[in-house]
Amino acid sequence: MNTIKATLTPNAVGLVLCGSEHDLMDLYDAIYQALPEDDYMEDENIMYLLGLTYDIRKAYSGYREEHIDIQPVAPKTSDTCTIETTYSVTIVLPILIVQLHILSEYLDPFQGDEQAYKVIMNFKNVVLNAIKIKSKDTYEKVNNWLETTDLFSEDYIFDIATHFSAIEYIQYKPVAKRLQSLPTLLRTFEESNQKYQQVAQLSYLKAKELNCRVHDLRFDLDDEIFEQLDNGQINW
């Protein structure tokens, strides 16, 4: 049984995923088993999702956080102890929700690997329950967004979702209002949303000016914000 755990960070910027090497490897493998077998390196939605598998792999490989717990087998009768090593990684919450939404496109309980489906659904529930512990209202709205929002089109610009996450959710949103603002933020990620459309239009114009693909553009300020997260200038 997969026993991955998830907890919101103190300021609700991200979610901490924690599990044993075995649990995290199972989740990593399950995601890849859910994806199509053909060449998907040019599919922007899958490439964005693979950011999640990258973080998971880095975690169980020991390149994120490692935790060692030593517990006596029988405290009153034995000096024998068990040593349990777990690994964790912290992921920006709105980005993780988008990755879950992408993953839902490839989940089919009646096709593919049944065990992989169970592992992924357990992972989704663990993530949502972490939100529910802090705010039932936000949990219900996020779950509804995941269940009812249309899948992203082939032309979707995922860097806009990353940009809105960095600017609107991390940099400018007051801590006390951050989590409750998540459902509203998710709606700005939708292709029908006016705010998304405005930034997408500007992105296409900039890509034309630079003679590059719109998917190759990056918002410089986003990198600064994520770097501030990494070095502690912004608290998770």
Protein backbone atom coordinates (compact mmCIF):
# COMPACT_ATOMS: atom_id res chain seq x y z
CA MET A 1 0.00 0.00 0.00
CA ASN A 2 1.33 3.42 -0.99
CA THR A 3 1.66 5.67 2.07
CA ILE A 4 2.68 9.01 0.59
CA LYS A 5 1.72 11.91 2.84
CA ALA A 6 1.10 15.55 1.99
CA THR A 7 0.94 18.68 4.10
CA LEU A 8 0.51 22.31 3.20
CA THR A 9 3.46 24.57 3.91
CA PRO A 10 2.93 27.12 6.73
CA ASN A 11 2.11 29.95 4.33
CA ALA A 12 0.17 27.74 1.87
CA VAL A 13 2.60 28.48 -0.95
CA GLY A 14 3.22 24.81 -1.58
CA LEU A 15 2.59 21.24 -0.64
CA VAL A 16 5.17 18.94 0.95
CA LEU A 17 5.04 15.41 -0.46
CA CYS A 18 6.70 12.82 1.75
CA GLY A 19 7.18 9.09 1.41
CA SER A 20 9.60 6.22 1.43
CA GLU A 21 11.82 5.54 -1.55
CA HIS A 22 9.48 2.69 -2.51
CA ASP A 23 6.34 4.85 -2.28
CA LEU A 24 7.80 7.68 -4.34
CA MET A 25 9.18 5.30 -6.96
CA ASP A 26 5.75 3.66 -7.23
CA LEU A 27 4.14 7.05 -7.86
CA TYR A 28 6.82 7.96 -10.39
CA ASP A 29 6.32 4.69 -12.28
CA ALA A 30 2.51 4.95 -12.09
CA ILE A 31 2.51 8.37 -13.76
CA TYR A 32 4.67 7.10 -16.62
CA GLN A 33 2.47 4.03 -17.02
CA ALA A 34 -0.57 6.29 -17.39
CA LEU A 35 1.02 8.28 -20.21
CA PRO A 36 0.76 7.24 -23.87
CA GLU A 37 3.58 5.09 -25.19
CA ASP A 38 4.20 7.13 -28.32
CA ASP A 39 6.71 9.97 -28.48
CA TYR A 40 5.32 12.77 -26.32
CA MET A 41 8.36 15.03 -26.03
CA GLU A 42 6.60 17.68 -28.13
CA ASP A 43 3.34 17.58 -26.15
CA GLU A 44 3.39 20.69 -24.01
CA ASN A 45 0.91 19.31 -21.48
CA ILE A 46 2.96 16.18 -20.83
CA MET A 47 6.18 18.16 -20.66
CA TYR A 48 4.59 20.34 -17.95
CA LEU A 49 3.42 17.24 -16.10
CA LEU A 50 6.92 15.78 -16.23
CA GLY A 51 8.01 18.61 -13.98
CA LEU A 52 6.20 16.68 -11.26
CA THR A 53 7.94 13.39 -12.05
CA TYR A 54 11.26 15.24 -12.06
CA ASP A 55 10.62 16.50 -8.51
CA ILE A 56 9.51 13.04 -7.35
CA ARG A 57 12.61 11.39 -8.81
CA LYS A 58 14.90 13.98 -7.26
CA ALA A 59 13.19 13.37 -3.91
CA TYR A 60 13.62 9.59 -3.77
CA SER A 61 17.16 9.94 -5.13
CA GLY A 62 18.05 12.00 -2.08
CA TYR A 63 18.43 15.37 -3.82
CA ARG A 64 15.63 17.09 -1.90
CA GLU A 65 14.91 16.51 1.81
CA GLU A 66 15.83 13.31 3.64
CA HIS A 67 14.39 12.33 7.03
CA ILE A 68 15.61 9.51 9.28
CA ASP A 69 13.36 8.19 12.05
CA ILE A 70 14.71 5.74 14.63
CA GLN A 71 12.11 3.87 16.67
CA PRO A 72 12.55 1.06 19.23
CA VAL A 73 10.85 -2.19 18.22
CA ALA A 74 9.70 -2.88 21.80
CA PRO A 75 10.69 0.01 24.11
CA LYS A 76 10.24 -1.96 27.37
CA THR A 77 11.72 -5.30 26.37
CA SER A 78 14.30 -4.76 23.64
CA ASP A 79 17.11 -2.48 22.62
CA THR A 80 16.46 -3.24 18.95
CA CYS A 81 15.47 -0.27 16.80
CA THR A 82 14.10 0.20 13.33
CA ILE A 83 15.39 2.93 11.05
CA GLU A 84 12.96 4.42 8.56
CA THR A 85 14.15 6.82 5.88
CA THR A 86 11.67 9.02 4.08
CA TYR A 87 12.12 11.69 1.44
CA SER A 88 10.18 14.85 0.75
CA VAL A 89 9.84 17.54 -1.88
CA THR A 90 7.94 20.83 -1.79
CA ILE A 91 5.94 21.84 -4.87
CA VAL A 92 4.14 25.13 -5.55
CA LEU A 93 0.49 24.36 -4.86
CA PRO A 94 -1.28 25.87 -7.93
CA ILE A 95 1.28 24.29 -10.25
CA LEU A 96 0.69 20.90 -8.63
CA ILE A 97 -3.08 21.29 -9.14
CA VAL A 98 -2.50 22.01 -12.83
CA GLN A 99 -0.30 18.92 -13.10
CA LEU A 100 -3.05 16.83 -11.48
CA HIS A 101 -5.51 18.20 -14.03
CA ILE A 102 -3.22 17.22 -16.89
CA LEU A 103 -2.76 13.76 -15.40
CA SER A 104 -6.53 13.24 -15.28
CA GLU A 105 -6.58 13.28 -19.09
CA TYR A 106 -4.63 10.02 -19.16
CA LEU A 107 -6.43 8.15 -16.38
CA ASP A 108 -8.81 5.39 -17.38
CA PRO A 109 -9.88 2.85 -14.73
CA PHE A 110 -10.89 0.38 -17.44
CA GLN A 111 -7.69 0.47 -19.45
CA GLY A 112 -4.02 0.35 -18.60
CA ASP A 113 -2.49 -0.73 -15.33
CA GLU A 114 -5.05 -1.04 -12.52
CA GLN A 115 -2.45 -0.69 -9.78
CA ALA A 116 -1.02 2.45 -11.38
CA TYR A 117 -4.52 3.93 -11.48
CA LYS A 118 -4.99 3.20 -7.76
CA VAL A 119 -1.62 4.77 -6.88
CA ILE A 120 -2.42 7.96 -8.80
CA MET A 121 -5.94 8.26 -7.38
CA ASN A 122 -4.54 7.79 -3.89
CA PHE A 123 -2.01 10.54 -4.62
CA LYS A 124 -4.76 12.88 -5.83
CA ASN A 125 -6.82 12.22 -2.69
CA VAL A 126 -3.80 12.80 -0.45
CA VAL A 127 -3.18 16.18 -2.09
CA LEU A 128 -6.82 17.25 -1.83
CA ASN A 129 -7.11 16.08 1.77
CA ALA A 130 -4.13 18.24 2.69
CA ILE A 131 -6.11 21.22 1.43
CA LYS A 132 -9.28 20.01 3.16
CA ILE A 133 -7.53 19.94 6.55
CA LYS A 134 -6.91 23.68 6.25
CA SER A 135 -10.07 24.75 4.42
CA LYS A 136 -13.04 22.59 3.51
CA ASP A 137 -14.46 25.34 1.31
CA THR A 138 -11.23 25.63 -0.71
CA TYR A 139 -11.03 21.84 -0.97
CA GLU A 140 -14.54 21.61 -2.41
CA LYS A 141 -13.91 24.37 -4.94
CA VAL A 142 -10.55 22.97 -6.05
CA ASN A 143 -12.00 19.49 -6.39
CA ASN A 144 -14.89 20.92 -8.42
CA TRP A 145 -12.41 22.75 -10.67
CA LEU A 146 -10.52 19.53 -11.29
CA GLU A 147 -13.70 17.62 -12.05
CA THR A 148 -15.46 20.17 -14.30
CA THR A 149 -12.78 22.20 -16.07
CA ASP A 150 -12.12 21.37 -19.70
CA LEU A 151 -8.83 19.72 -20.55
CA PHE A 152 -6.11 22.03 -21.82
CA SER A 153 -5.86 22.34 -25.59
CA GLU A 154 -2.72 21.64 -27.61
CA ASP A 155 -2.13 25.40 -27.84
CA TYR A 156 -2.35 26.06 -24.12
CA ILE A 157 0.50 28.22 -22.78
CA PHE A 158 1.42 26.60 -19.47
CA ASP A 159 3.94 29.30 -18.63
CA ILE A 160 1.00 31.64 -18.10
CA ALA A 161 -0.27 29.39 -15.30
CA THR A 162 3.23 29.40 -13.82
CA HIS A 163 3.38 33.20 -14.15
CA PHE A 164 0.02 33.74 -12.45
CA SER A 165 1.10 31.34 -9.69
CA ALA A 166 4.31 33.28 -9.09
CA ILE A 167 2.85 36.79 -9.27
CA GLU A 168 -0.74 36.50 -8.07
CA TYR A 169 -0.43 33.65 -5.59
CA ILE A 170 3.09 33.84 -4.19
CA GLN A 171 4.29 37.42 -4.48
CA TYR A 172 1.23 39.62 -4.03
CA LYS A 173 -1.37 37.56 -2.16
CA PRO A 174 -1.40 38.17 1.63
CA VAL A 175 -0.68 35.02 3.60
CA ALA A 176 -4.03 35.13 5.41
CA LYS A 177 -5.93 35.15 2.10
CA ARG A 178 -3.66 32.93 0.01
CA LEU A 179 -5.31 29.53 0.32
CA GLN A 180 -8.85 30.85 -0.03
CA SER A 181 -7.76 32.66 -3.22
CA LEU A 182 -6.69 29.41 -4.89
CA PRO A 183 -10.01 28.58 -6.62
CA THR A 184 -10.19 32.09 -8.11
CA LEU A 185 -6.60 31.78 -9.30
CA LEU A 186 -7.33 28.43 -10.96
CA ARG A 187 -10.12 30.03 -12.98
CA THR A 188 -7.62 32.49 -14.46
CA PHE A 189 -5.75 29.48 -15.86
CA GLU A 190 -8.69 28.57 -18.11
CA GLU A 191 -8.39 29.38 -21.80
CA SER A 192 -11.80 31.05 -21.77
CA ASN A 193 -10.72 33.43 -19.02
CA GLN A 194 -10.22 37.02 -20.15
CA LYS A 195 -7.04 37.48 -18.12
CA TYR A 196 -5.49 34.36 -19.64
CA GLN A 197 -6.48 35.50 -23.14
CA GLN A 198 -4.91 38.92 -22.67
CA VAL A 199 -1.56 37.50 -21.59
CA ALA A 200 -1.71 34.84 -24.31
CA GLN A 201 -2.24 37.49 -26.96
CA LEU A 202 0.74 39.48 -25.70
CA SER A 203 2.79 36.28 -25.62
CA TYR A 204 2.03 35.49 -29.25
CA LEU A 205 3.00 39.02 -30.27
CA LYS A 206 6.28 38.74 -28.37
CA ALA A 207 7.02 35.33 -29.89
CA LYS A 208 6.45 36.77 -33.35
CA GLU A 209 8.77 39.67 -32.56
CA LEU A 210 11.50 37.30 -31.34
CA ASN A 211 10.83 34.76 -34.10
CA CYS A 212 10.40 31.89 -31.64
CA ARG A 213 7.72 29.52 -30.41
CA VAL A 214 5.33 31.00 -27.88
CA HIS A 215 6.02 27.97 -25.66
CA ASP A 216 9.70 28.93 -25.52
CA LEU A 217 9.00 32.27 -23.84
CA ARG A 218 9.64 32.69 -20.12
CA PHE A 219 8.70 35.43 -17.69
CA ASP A 220 11.93 36.67 -16.07
CA LEU A 221 10.22 37.77 -12.87
CA ASP A 222 8.98 34.22 -12.25
CA ASP A 223 12.54 32.91 -11.98
CA GLU A 224 13.34 35.62 -9.45
CA ILE A 225 10.35 34.70 -7.31
CA PHE A 226 11.13 30.98 -7.35
CA GLU A 227 14.77 31.75 -6.54
CA GLN A 228 13.58 33.78 -3.54
CA LEU A 229 11.60 30.74 -2.43
CA ASP A 230 14.66 28.55 -2.73
CA ASN A 231 16.93 30.87 -0.75
CA GLY A 232 14.40 31.70 1.96
CA GLN A 233 13.60 35.29 1.02
CA ILE A 234 10.00 34.17 0.55
CA ASN A 235 8.70 31.76 3.15
CA TRP A 236 6.90 28.64 2.02
